[in-house]
Protein backbone atom coordinates (compact mmCIF):
# COMPACT_ATOMS: atom_id res chain seq x y z
CA MET A 1 1.06 -3.89 9.10
CA ALA A 2 3.41 -0.99 7.32
CA VAL A 3 5.68 -2.47 4.88
CA LYS A 4 9.42 -0.94 6.02
CA GLN A 5 11.71 0.59 3.18
CA CYS A 6 14.63 -1.94 1.96
CA THR A 7 18.21 -1.59 1.06
CA ILE A 8 21.33 -4.50 0.74
CA LYS A 9 23.15 -5.34 3.44
CA ALA A 10 26.72 -4.76 1.71
CA PRO A 11 27.87 -3.74 -1.79
CA VAL A 12 28.05 -6.86 -4.70
CA SER A 13 29.34 -6.42 -8.27
CA VAL A 14 28.63 -7.52 -11.57
CA ASN A 15 30.77 -6.68 -14.74
CA GLY A 16 30.28 -6.75 -18.68
CA ALA A 17 29.98 -5.10 -21.74
CA GLY A 18 27.12 -3.17 -23.18
CA LEU A 19 24.69 -4.14 -25.44
CA HIS A 20 25.58 -1.42 -28.01
CA THR A 21 28.83 0.35 -27.05
CA GLY A 22 30.47 -3.20 -26.04
CA LYS A 23 32.59 -1.30 -23.38
CA ASN A 24 33.44 -3.36 -20.39
CA VAL A 25 31.69 -1.96 -17.76
CA THR A 26 31.11 -2.80 -13.70
CA LEU A 27 28.29 -2.18 -11.82
CA THR A 28 28.16 -2.28 -8.03
CA PHE A 29 25.11 -1.88 -6.26
CA ARG A 30 25.71 0.09 -2.56
CA PRO A 31 23.50 0.43 0.14
CA ALA A 32 21.34 4.02 0.64
CA PRO A 33 19.66 5.41 3.20
CA VAL A 34 16.59 5.53 4.26
CA GLY A 35 14.68 8.05 1.35
CA HIS A 36 17.15 7.81 -1.13
CA GLY A 37 15.34 6.46 -3.81
CA ILE A 38 17.15 4.71 -6.89
CA LYS A 39 20.26 7.09 -8.11
CA PHE A 40 23.15 6.08 -11.12
CA ARG A 41 26.44 7.49 -9.73
CA ARG A 42 28.93 7.22 -12.64
CA ILE A 43 32.21 7.09 -10.96
CA ASP A 44 34.37 7.41 -14.19
CA MET A 45 32.99 10.66 -14.38
CA GLU A 46 34.89 13.94 -12.70
CA GLY A 47 33.39 14.69 -9.14
CA GLN A 48 31.41 11.09 -9.75
CA PRO A 49 28.05 12.86 -10.33
CA VAL A 50 24.75 11.31 -9.43
CA ILE A 51 21.84 11.04 -11.41
CA ASP A 52 17.96 10.42 -10.05
CA ALA A 53 16.23 6.94 -11.74
CA ILE A 54 13.01 9.10 -12.63
CA ALA A 55 10.96 9.58 -15.94
CA ASP A 56 12.01 13.00 -15.91
CA TYR A 57 15.42 12.28 -17.22
CA VAL A 58 14.27 9.75 -19.96
CA VAL A 59 16.39 11.48 -23.43
CA ASP A 60 16.10 8.12 -25.62
CA THR A 61 14.35 4.98 -25.75
CA SER A 62 15.58 3.91 -29.32
CA ARG A 63 17.68 1.04 -28.61
CA GLY A 64 16.82 0.90 -24.32
CA THR A 65 15.80 3.13 -21.96
CA THR A 66 18.75 6.20 -21.55
CA ILE A 67 18.75 9.12 -18.93
CA GLN A 68 20.54 12.26 -18.49
CA HIS A 69 20.82 15.22 -15.87
CA GLN A 70 22.96 18.02 -16.24
CA GLY A 71 25.50 16.22 -18.69
CA VAL A 72 25.10 12.44 -16.59
CA ARG A 73 23.97 9.90 -19.09
CA VAL A 74 23.25 6.08 -18.42
CA ALA A 75 22.05 3.70 -20.77
CA THR A 76 20.14 0.87 -21.44
CA ILE A 77 19.09 1.06 -17.71
CA GLU A 78 15.85 -1.30 -17.63
CA HIS A 79 16.67 -4.20 -17.11
CA THR A 80 18.81 -2.98 -13.73
CA LEU A 81 15.99 -0.87 -12.55
CA ALA A 82 13.85 -4.49 -12.77
CA ALA A 83 16.16 -6.44 -10.65
CA ILE A 84 16.29 -3.52 -7.84
CA VAL A 85 12.10 -3.62 -8.24
CA GLY A 86 11.79 -7.55 -8.68
CA SER A 87 13.71 -7.91 -5.22
CA GLY A 88 11.61 -5.52 -3.12
CA LEU A 89 14.51 -2.54 -2.96
CA ASP A 90 13.75 1.07 -2.14
CA ASN A 91 16.98 2.60 -2.13
CA ILE A 92 19.79 1.79 -3.94
CA LEU A 93 23.08 3.42 -5.45
CA VAL A 94 24.20 1.75 -8.75
CA ASP A 95 28.05 2.76 -9.09
CA VAL A 96 28.96 2.21 -12.77
CA ASP A 97 32.23 2.87 -14.55
CA ASN A 98 31.03 3.54 -18.11
CA VAL A 99 27.90 5.05 -19.92
CA GLU A 100 26.29 1.57 -20.29
CA MET A 101 24.78 -0.88 -17.98
CA PRO A 102 26.63 -4.40 -18.71
CA ILE A 103 24.16 -6.48 -20.80
CA MET A 104 24.71 -10.01 -19.46
CA ASP A 105 22.73 -12.80 -20.85
CA GLY A 106 20.00 -10.24 -22.32
CA SER A 107 17.90 -10.54 -18.95
CA ALA A 108 17.86 -9.36 -15.52
CA ALA A 109 18.78 -13.18 -14.03
CA ALA A 110 22.50 -11.70 -13.29
CA PHE A 111 21.39 -8.79 -11.05
CA ILE A 112 18.84 -10.25 -8.91
CA GLU A 113 21.65 -13.00 -7.80
CA ALA A 114 23.96 -10.36 -7.44
CA LEU A 115 21.00 -8.35 -5.46
CA LYS A 116 20.59 -11.64 -3.61
CA LEU A 117 24.00 -12.23 -2.58
CA ALA A 118 24.11 -8.45 -1.19
CA GLY A 119 21.25 -9.86 0.91
CA LYS A 120 18.54 -7.45 2.37
CA VAL A 121 17.95 -5.11 5.19
CA GLU A 122 14.52 -3.39 5.91
CA GLN A 123 14.88 -0.14 7.40
CA GLU A 124 12.99 2.28 10.06
CA ALA A 125 10.74 4.07 7.42
CA ASP A 126 7.25 3.42 5.94
CA ARG A 127 7.51 2.11 2.25
CA GLU A 128 5.56 5.05 0.11
CA TYR A 129 3.43 3.86 -2.54
CA PHE A 130 1.24 5.21 -4.70
CA GLU A 131 -2.51 3.81 -4.56
CA VAL A 132 -4.30 4.10 -7.64
CA HIS A 133 -7.78 5.12 -6.96
CA SER A 134 -8.66 5.59 -10.35
CA THR A 135 -7.86 4.03 -13.83
CA LEU A 136 -5.20 5.98 -15.69
CA THR A 137 -4.55 5.59 -18.85
CA TYR A 138 -2.06 6.41 -21.90
CA SER A 139 -2.04 5.15 -25.51
CA ASP A 140 0.21 5.46 -28.80
CA PRO A 141 -1.85 5.02 -31.89
CA HIS A 142 0.71 4.69 -34.36
CA ARG A 143 2.87 1.86 -32.62
CA LYS A 144 -0.83 0.36 -31.72
CA SER A 145 0.30 0.69 -27.52
CA GLU A 146 -1.92 1.41 -24.69
CA MET A 147 -0.79 1.38 -21.05
CA ILE A 148 -3.85 1.20 -18.24
CA LEU A 149 -3.55 1.92 -14.67
CA VAL A 150 -6.44 0.25 -12.60
CA PRO A 151 -6.83 -0.04 -8.80
CA GLU A 152 -5.59 -2.83 -6.92
CA GLU A 153 -4.23 -3.60 -4.18
CA ASN A 154 -1.13 -4.88 -4.66
CA TYR A 155 1.36 -4.07 -7.92
CA ARG A 156 0.46 -6.41 -10.94
CA ILE A 157 1.67 -6.49 -14.21
CA SER A 158 -0.15 -7.90 -17.10
CA ALA A 159 1.29 -7.70 -20.98
CA MET A 160 0.11 -8.46 -24.59
CA ILE A 161 2.70 -8.00 -27.25
CA ASP A 162 1.56 -8.62 -31.02
CA PHE A 163 4.71 -8.35 -34.06
CA GLU A 164 2.16 -9.41 -36.23
CA THR A 165 4.51 -12.08 -38.19
CA ARG A 166 4.04 -15.79 -38.50
CA ILE A 167 7.38 -16.58 -36.38
CA LEU A 168 6.10 -14.37 -33.62
CA GLY A 169 2.74 -12.94 -33.66
CA THR A 170 0.38 -12.55 -30.28
CA GLN A 171 1.71 -13.68 -26.90
CA TYR A 172 0.68 -12.83 -23.49
CA ALA A 173 2.39 -12.62 -19.94
CA SER A 174 1.65 -11.58 -16.77
CA LEU A 175 2.76 -11.18 -12.92
CA ASP A 176 0.25 -11.66 -10.11
CA ASP A 177 3.05 -11.18 -7.43
CA ILE A 178 6.17 -8.90 -7.68
CA ASP A 179 7.78 -11.29 -4.85
CA ASN A 180 7.67 -13.54 -7.78
CA PHE A 181 9.71 -11.80 -10.05
CA SER A 182 13.08 -13.73 -9.78
CA GLN A 183 10.92 -16.99 -10.19
CA GLU A 184 8.98 -15.98 -13.32
CA ILE A 185 10.44 -13.44 -15.28
CA ALA A 186 14.00 -12.35 -14.32
CA ASN A 187 15.39 -14.95 -16.71
CA CYS A 188 13.63 -14.02 -19.82
CA ARG A 189 16.43 -12.79 -22.36
CA THR A 190 15.44 -9.49 -24.71
CA PHE A 191 15.18 -10.47 -28.50
CA VAL A 192 15.26 -9.38 -32.17
CA PHE A 193 13.95 -9.58 -35.50
CA LEU A 194 16.77 -10.69 -38.27
CA HIS A 195 15.99 -7.67 -40.21
CA GLU A 196 16.53 -5.28 -36.83
CA LEU A 197 19.85 -7.11 -35.96
CA GLU A 198 21.03 -6.37 -39.45
CA TYR A 199 20.48 -2.92 -39.28
CA LEU A 200 22.16 -2.81 -36.23
CA ILE A 201 25.14 -4.64 -37.02
CA ALA A 202 25.68 -2.29 -40.44
CA ASN A 203 25.41 0.44 -38.20
CA ASN A 204 27.61 -0.76 -35.71
CA LEU A 205 25.30 -0.39 -33.07
CA ILE A 206 25.78 -3.61 -31.18
CA LYS A 207 29.51 -3.99 -30.33
CA GLY A 208 28.57 -5.96 -27.46
CA GLY A 209 25.72 -8.02 -28.67
CA ASP A 210 26.49 -12.50 -28.92
CA ILE A 211 23.64 -14.76 -29.98
CA SER A 212 23.96 -15.70 -26.65
CA ASN A 213 22.25 -12.89 -25.08
CA ALA A 214 19.07 -12.35 -27.04
CA ILE A 215 16.58 -14.23 -28.90
CA VAL A 216 17.24 -13.76 -32.83
CA PHE A 217 14.00 -14.36 -34.61
CA VAL A 218 14.21 -15.09 -38.23
CA ASP A 219 11.55 -13.81 -40.37
CA ARG A 220 12.81 -14.61 -43.98
CA LEU A 221 14.73 -17.74 -45.75
CA LEU A 222 18.25 -17.36 -45.05
CA GLY A 223 20.96 -18.88 -47.38
CA GLN A 224 24.22 -20.59 -46.70
CA PRO A 225 26.15 -17.52 -47.35
CA GLU A 226 24.28 -14.85 -45.11
CA LEU A 227 24.68 -17.50 -41.92
CA ASP A 228 28.28 -18.02 -42.56
CA ARG A 229 28.97 -14.04 -42.64
CA LEU A 230 26.65 -14.34 -39.17
CA ALA A 231 29.00 -16.49 -38.11
CA LYS A 232 32.02 -14.80 -38.54
CA TYR A 233 30.38 -11.40 -36.88
CA PHE A 234 29.58 -12.95 -33.78
CA GLY A 235 32.91 -15.63 -33.76
CA LYS A 236 31.22 -18.61 -34.23
CA GLU A 237 31.90 -21.45 -35.92
CA LYS A 238 28.65 -22.35 -37.59
CA ILE A 239 24.82 -20.75 -37.07
CA GLU A 240 21.96 -22.70 -37.89
CA VAL A 241 18.11 -21.65 -37.84
CA LEU A 242 15.93 -23.92 -36.46
CA LYS A 243 12.56 -24.54 -38.49
CA GLU A 244 10.48 -22.61 -35.69
CA GLY A 245 13.06 -19.59 -37.18
CA ILE A 246 15.67 -18.66 -34.15
CA LEU A 247 19.03 -18.23 -34.66
CA ASN A 248 21.39 -21.10 -33.85
CA ASN A 249 18.52 -23.06 -32.55
CA LEU A 250 18.36 -21.20 -29.05
CA GLU A 251 16.36 -23.25 -26.69
CA LEU A 252 13.57 -20.43 -25.43
CA ARG A 253 13.03 -20.37 -21.78
CA HIS A 254 9.66 -20.16 -21.40
CA HIS A 255 7.17 -20.36 -24.03
CA ASN A 256 6.52 -17.20 -23.88
CA GLU A 257 9.51 -15.82 -23.08
CA PRO A 258 9.49 -13.08 -25.58
CA ALA A 259 5.98 -11.25 -23.83
CA ARG A 260 7.36 -11.82 -20.49
CA HIS A 261 10.72 -9.94 -21.62
CA LYS A 262 8.42 -7.14 -22.27
CA LEU A 263 6.82 -7.49 -19.12
CA LEU A 264 10.23 -7.34 -17.83
CA ASP A 265 10.97 -4.17 -19.16
CA VAL A 266 7.63 -2.35 -18.04
CA ILE A 267 9.16 -3.07 -14.48
CA GLY A 268 12.03 -1.78 -15.60
CA ASP A 269 10.96 1.90 -17.05
CA LEU A 270 7.93 2.05 -14.33
CA ALA A 271 10.75 2.08 -11.81
CA LEU A 272 11.10 5.53 -13.07
CA ILE A 273 8.10 6.36 -11.44
CA GLY A 274 10.10 7.33 -8.39
CA VAL A 275 7.80 4.90 -6.08
CA PRO A 276 6.53 1.45 -5.58
CA ILE A 277 2.62 1.14 -7.05
CA LYS A 278 -0.36 -0.27 -5.52
CA GLY A 279 -1.96 -1.14 -8.86
CA HIS A 280 -2.74 -3.55 -11.92
CA VAL A 281 -0.43 -2.44 -14.89
CA ILE A 282 -2.32 -3.81 -18.51
CA ALA A 283 0.29 -3.19 -20.93
CA THR A 284 -0.51 -3.63 -24.55
CA ARG A 285 2.13 -3.46 -26.97
CA PRO A 286 4.39 -2.08 -24.99
CA GLY A 287 7.92 -0.88 -25.71
CA HIS A 288 10.36 1.98 -24.24
CA ALA A 289 9.03 5.45 -25.66
CA VAL A 290 5.54 4.41 -24.75
CA ASN A 291 6.54 2.87 -21.11
CA THR A 292 8.48 5.82 -20.42
CA ASN A 293 5.87 8.50 -21.58
CA PHE A 294 3.11 6.55 -19.40
CA ALA A 295 5.69 6.58 -16.07
CA LYS A 296 5.88 10.14 -16.84
CA LEU A 297 2.14 10.61 -16.76
CA VAL A 298 2.40 8.67 -13.83
CA ARG A 299 4.91 10.22 -11.74
CA GLU A 300 3.11 13.66 -12.64
CA GLN A 301 0.06 11.95 -11.01
CA VAL A 302 2.12 11.10 -7.96
CA MET A 303 3.84 15.31 -7.63
CA LEU A 304 0.50 15.99 -7.84
CA SER A 305 -1.01 13.63 -5.13
CA LYS A 306 1.77 15.10 -2.79
CA GLN A 307 0.54 18.33 -3.42
CA LYS A 308 -2.94 17.99 -3.40
CA PRO A 309 -4.81 19.78 -0.15
CA SER A 310 -6.81 17.84 2.01
CA PHE A 311 -10.39 18.07 2.15
CA ASP A 312 -13.19 16.63 4.77
CA ILE A 313 -16.26 15.37 2.83
CA TYR A 314 -17.61 14.99 6.55
CA LYS A 315 -17.31 18.75 8.32
CA THR A 316 -19.80 20.87 8.46
CA PRO A 317 -19.92 23.34 5.65
CA VAL A 318 -19.33 27.07 5.88
CA TYR A 319 -21.71 27.79 3.19
CA ASP A 320 -24.76 25.18 2.28
CA ILE A 321 -27.08 25.34 -1.11
CA ASN A 322 -28.90 27.75 0.65
CA ASP A 323 -26.03 30.08 1.17
CA ILE A 324 -24.81 29.51 -2.39
CA LYS A 325 -28.07 30.41 -3.65
CA ARG A 326 -27.64 33.63 -1.58
CA PHE A 327 -23.93 34.62 -3.17
CA LEU A 328 -24.86 33.10 -7.04
CA PRO A 329 -28.00 33.93 -9.89
CA HIS A 330 -27.27 30.48 -10.84
CA ARG A 331 -30.30 27.93 -10.39
CA PRO A 332 -30.74 24.47 -11.15
CA PRO A 333 -29.70 22.77 -13.80
CA PHE A 334 -27.04 25.26 -14.06
CA LEU A 335 -25.99 25.36 -10.32
CA LEU A 336 -22.91 23.27 -10.61
CA ILE A 337 -21.94 23.78 -6.78
CA ASP A 338 -23.56 22.00 -3.67
CA LYS A 339 -21.25 23.15 -0.69
CA ILE A 340 -18.54 25.27 0.59
CA LEU A 341 -16.05 23.00 2.55
CA GLU A 342 -13.59 26.29 3.05
CA ILE A 343 -12.87 29.98 2.34
CA SER A 344 -10.48 32.86 3.14
CA ASP A 345 -9.45 35.53 1.74
CA ASN A 346 -7.70 34.02 -0.55
CA HIS A 347 -8.78 30.46 -0.53
CA VAL A 348 -12.37 28.62 -1.23
CA VAL A 349 -13.10 24.89 -1.59
CA GLY A 350 -16.25 23.99 -2.82
CA LEU A 351 -17.56 20.47 -3.54
CA LYS A 352 -19.92 19.06 -6.31
CA ASN A 353 -21.50 15.29 -5.93
CA VAL A 354 -21.77 14.64 -9.77
CA THR A 355 -25.07 12.32 -10.12
CA MET A 356 -26.09 10.24 -12.93
CA ASN A 357 -29.37 12.60 -12.81
CA GLU A 358 -27.23 15.37 -13.98
CA PRO A 359 -29.56 16.84 -17.08
CA PHE A 360 -26.36 16.94 -19.12
CA PHE A 361 -25.40 13.18 -18.83
CA THR A 362 -28.90 12.83 -21.42
CA GLY A 363 -26.64 13.28 -24.31
CA HIS A 364 -23.28 13.68 -23.20
CA PHE A 365 -22.95 10.64 -23.77
CA PRO A 366 -26.26 8.55 -23.53
CA ASP A 367 -24.20 5.28 -23.26
CA GLU A 368 -21.00 6.66 -21.21
CA PRO A 369 -21.82 9.36 -19.41
CA VAL A 370 -18.92 11.94 -18.89
CA MET A 371 -19.76 15.50 -17.30
CA PRO A 372 -18.47 18.03 -19.45
CA GLY A 373 -15.20 19.39 -19.26
CA VAL A 374 -17.04 23.16 -20.22
CA LEU A 375 -19.02 22.90 -17.04
CA GLN A 376 -15.92 21.41 -14.96
CA LEU A 377 -15.01 25.13 -16.09
CA GLU A 378 -18.27 26.38 -14.55
CA ALA A 379 -18.33 24.92 -11.01
CA MET A 380 -14.95 25.90 -11.00
CA ALA A 381 -16.26 29.41 -11.56
CA GLN A 382 -19.43 29.31 -9.52
CA THR A 383 -16.93 28.34 -6.58
CA GLY A 384 -14.42 31.21 -7.81
CA GLY A 385 -17.81 33.67 -7.11
CA ILE A 386 -18.15 32.78 -3.62
CA LEU A 387 -14.11 33.55 -3.02
CA ALA A 388 -15.35 36.91 -4.70
CA LEU A 389 -18.84 37.87 -3.02
CA HIS A 390 -18.26 36.44 0.67
CA ASN A 391 -16.72 39.52 2.03
CA VAL A 392 -19.29 41.75 0.29
CA PRO A 393 -22.21 42.83 2.61
CA ASP A 394 -25.03 42.49 -0.30
CA PRO A 395 -23.66 39.88 -2.50
CA GLU A 396 -27.03 39.23 -4.57
CA ASN A 397 -26.33 42.89 -5.77
CA TYR A 398 -23.64 41.68 -7.56
CA ALA A 399 -21.85 39.56 -10.58
CA THR A 400 -18.79 37.81 -11.68
CA TYR A 401 -18.26 37.89 -15.55
CA PHE A 402 -15.68 35.68 -16.92
CA LEU A 403 -12.83 37.42 -18.99
CA LYS A 404 -10.20 35.14 -19.25
CA ILE A 405 -9.72 31.02 -19.35
CA ASP A 406 -5.73 29.96 -19.44
CA ASN A 407 -3.81 27.02 -19.05
CA VAL A 408 -6.35 24.69 -18.96
CA LYS A 409 -5.87 20.79 -18.35
CA PHE A 410 -8.68 18.03 -18.44
CA ARG A 411 -6.29 15.11 -17.43
CA HIS A 412 -9.47 12.63 -16.03
CA LYS A 413 -13.18 12.04 -17.13
CA VAL A 414 -15.80 13.06 -14.30
CA VAL A 415 -18.42 10.68 -14.29
CA PRO A 416 -21.39 9.79 -12.55
CA GLY A 417 -20.65 8.84 -8.95
CA ASP A 418 -17.73 10.86 -8.90
CA THR A 419 -17.29 13.57 -5.93
CA LEU A 420 -15.76 17.04 -7.51
CA PHE A 421 -14.04 18.77 -5.12
CA LEU A 422 -12.93 22.18 -6.36
CA SER A 423 -9.80 24.29 -4.90
CA LEU A 424 -9.53 27.77 -5.97
CA GLU A 425 -6.48 30.23 -4.70
CA LEU A 426 -5.80 33.91 -5.22
CA ILE A 427 -2.72 34.50 -7.50
CA SER A 428 -2.71 37.77 -7.24
CA PRO A 429 -4.43 40.50 -5.08
CA VAL A 430 -7.94 41.45 -5.88
CA ARG A 431 -7.96 44.99 -8.06
CA ARG A 432 -10.59 46.93 -9.39
CA GLY A 433 -12.58 43.78 -9.20
CA ILE A 434 -10.60 41.64 -10.78
CA PHE A 435 -9.92 38.38 -9.47
CA HIS A 436 -7.06 35.98 -10.64
CA THR A 437 -7.49 32.54 -9.37
CA LYS A 438 -5.56 29.00 -9.82
CA ALA A 439 -8.42 26.68 -9.67
CA ASN A 440 -7.98 22.52 -9.43
CA ALA A 441 -10.30 19.68 -9.09
CA PHE A 442 -10.28 16.50 -7.77
CA VAL A 443 -11.96 13.41 -7.46
CA ASN A 444 -10.48 10.77 -5.56
CA ASN A 445 -6.96 12.33 -4.15
CA ILE A 446 -6.75 12.58 -8.37
CA LEU A 447 -6.51 15.82 -9.91
CA VAL A 448 -8.72 15.95 -12.88
CA THR A 449 -9.01 19.16 -14.59
CA GLU A 450 -6.64 22.60 -13.80
CA ALA A 451 -7.01 26.27 -14.90
CA GLU A 452 -6.19 30.07 -14.37
CA LEU A 453 -9.81 31.99 -14.26
CA MET A 454 -9.55 35.89 -14.41
CA ALA A 455 -13.35 37.18 -14.02
CA GLN A 456 -14.47 40.75 -12.33
CA ILE A 457 -17.03 41.63 -9.99
CA SER A 458 -19.90 43.64 -11.43
CA LYS A 459 -22.62 45.64 -9.54
CA LYS A 460 -25.71 44.37 -11.52
CA LYS A 461 -28.44 46.56 -13.23
CA ALA A 462 -31.90 45.90 -12.73
CA SER A 463 -31.83 43.96 -16.05
CA ASP A 464 -29.44 41.86 -15.26
CA SER A 465 -30.31 38.28 -14.51
CA ASN A 466 -27.23 35.97 -15.31
CA THR A 467 -24.12 35.91 -15.08
CA ILE A 468 -21.73 34.03 -18.25
């Protein structure tokens, strides 16, 4: 049974201070119609401008996630977004009367409770998912971070953190069912190391911060004068440090609360993809920069999947392999298309079954076979050659020659077992034998390679035996 889109039954508000600005803000969740998605509205600005919660608009990840579009900015949105996703909501308008979301206790618990109070209602339309069919990866070597998205029936998240310190080393957290977010993840608070806290204080960056809305890990010995100075800054009579190194003897809500909070941030930041995921996210050393860059990558795939043509692998081909051999001078092992599924005056769709028997896998690579990108381009070019010659009465007397290749992008690996769909469209009408095409290659509905190809149709000389 299809899952329906959901919104809230009634508006509900929370109020608090922004972590960095210290300014009081009232945040109000409001119901929204089908297909609305998650949007923020700055009701304190003229015209009450609205900004979509999408990864395209991320402008800052240094102290939380900030999005901005056409002069409209909202900051520290990750906990709010995580609560919306964790509540199973698709369409919601978030009104705020300041730039930054309220920090509350440093977790998503207050937002979850507000959304429960508002109530949840199903809407008429089915929920649209991004279903993962092949693995997507993003890595940041400088941060030693990696994000992986693999196929899975439901939305599942695993996270590993490692700050390489005695006080906070390696921790793991996982959420196997997003419906368990409120019980397992929502109340996990943000955390900071003392040296980071001192920097933030010195630069007047956590005006709304308090030791009750963040876990402060003390990574060096503190003298009493330093403790007294911190107590004065936070308006406390006394501040202490446990042997475990947590400021003011704060008790953890879970033994792995820091890892769970990082998982919370991942959920919030990946909400910027714009649609819910069916897949398993594996996050190693996640952070807002890595999370949002990965969200951009996945969102790009979401948008491409909406634009992709529909291919029927079982339809009777327009041209089979014997027809292709009549059009093209190429022969095995360099004939890289198996059949033509569609063709018109301005487009063509070819198919290549990639098997382990391909001779290039012997050396590329013996232990991890990957179809070379240059051969993917060659397969595109051969498909384009069919487009160029299919209206020519004697195609066997003509050949096509590369003139130019532009804007090439290799997005995903092509491996044995893949079926490569090669889709080309003319960019401009053929003139003087020159044709210019936009070429896309798909595997499992995912765009794997794209390029712009320019070639020339030329009549063969008697000595010609191949194309380039």
